[in-house]
Amino acid sequence: MWQDLLTGFAIYLIIEGMIPFAGPNLFRQSVFRLAQMDDNSLRMTGLVVASFGLILLYIIR
């Protein structure tokens, strides 16, 4: 179980690192737009992304 969790976390870090590496200007603009969003919009975005991840994990497993 821990190996699966750490593998998933490692893949997450790889993907997160590739985004600013591949397009630093686009990444900077995206972070700036995120900083301008209100708290409720950020929460809803987080909820949607987390829900999508849970559904995808359920389908895969």
Protein backbone atom coordinates (compact mmCIF):
# COMPACT_ATOMS: atom_id res chain seq x y z
CA MET A 1 0.00 0.00 0.00
CA TRP A 2 2.71 2.51 0.93
CA GLN A 3 4.60 1.70 -2.25
CA ASP A 4 1.50 2.49 -4.32
CA LEU A 5 0.94 5.75 -2.44
CA LEU A 6 4.55 6.85 -2.87
CA THR A 7 4.49 5.84 -6.55
CA GLY A 8 1.40 7.97 -7.10
CA PHE A 9 2.99 10.88 -5.27
CA ALA A 10 6.17 10.55 -7.34
CA ILE A 11 4.15 10.60 -10.57
CA TYR A 12 2.30 13.67 -9.30
CA LEU A 13 5.61 15.44 -8.62
CA ILE A 14 6.94 14.54 -12.07
CA ILE A 15 3.84 15.95 -13.77
CA GLU A 16 3.83 19.07 -11.60
CA GLY A 17 7.50 19.67 -12.38
CA MET A 18 7.02 19.23 -16.11
CA ILE A 19 4.41 21.99 -16.32
CA PRO A 20 6.67 24.94 -15.38
CA PHE A 21 9.62 23.31 -17.17
CA ALA A 22 7.75 23.02 -20.48
CA GLY A 23 6.09 26.44 -20.39
CA PRO A 24 7.35 28.81 -17.72
CA ASN A 25 5.49 31.85 -19.08
CA LEU A 26 2.18 30.00 -19.32
CA PHE A 27 2.72 28.59 -15.83
CA ARG A 28 3.43 32.07 -14.44
CA GLN A 29 0.28 33.46 -16.08
CA SER A 30 -1.80 30.58 -14.71
CA VAL A 31 -0.50 31.11 -11.18
CA PHE A 32 -1.26 34.82 -11.48
CA ARG A 33 -4.84 34.04 -12.57
CA LEU A 34 -5.23 31.61 -9.67
CA ALA A 35 -4.05 34.30 -7.25
CA GLN A 36 -6.78 36.62 -8.57
CA MET A 37 -9.60 34.12 -7.97
CA ASP A 38 -11.82 34.44 -4.92
CA ASP A 39 -11.79 31.78 -2.20
CA ASN A 40 -15.09 30.17 -3.21
CA SER A 41 -13.97 29.72 -6.82
CA LEU A 42 -10.70 28.13 -5.68
CA ARG A 43 -12.56 25.81 -3.32
CA MET A 44 -14.97 24.72 -6.03
CA THR A 45 -12.10 24.15 -8.45
CA GLY A 46 -10.32 22.06 -5.82
CA LEU A 47 -13.48 20.09 -5.12
CA VAL A 48 -14.06 19.37 -8.81
CA VAL A 49 -10.45 18.28 -9.38
CA ALA A 50 -10.40 16.10 -6.24
CA SER A 51 -13.75 14.54 -7.19
CA PHE A 52 -12.51 13.79 -10.68
CA GLY A 53 -9.42 12.16 -9.18
CA LEU A 54 -11.51 10.02 -6.85
CA ILE A 55 -13.81 8.91 -9.66
CA LEU A 56 -10.84 8.11 -11.89
CA LEU A 57 -9.18 6.16 -9.08
CA TYR A 58 -12.40 4.21 -8.48
CA ILE A 59 -12.64 3.34 -12.19
CA ILE A 60 -8.99 2.28 -12.40
CA ARG A 61 -9.02 0.20 -9.22
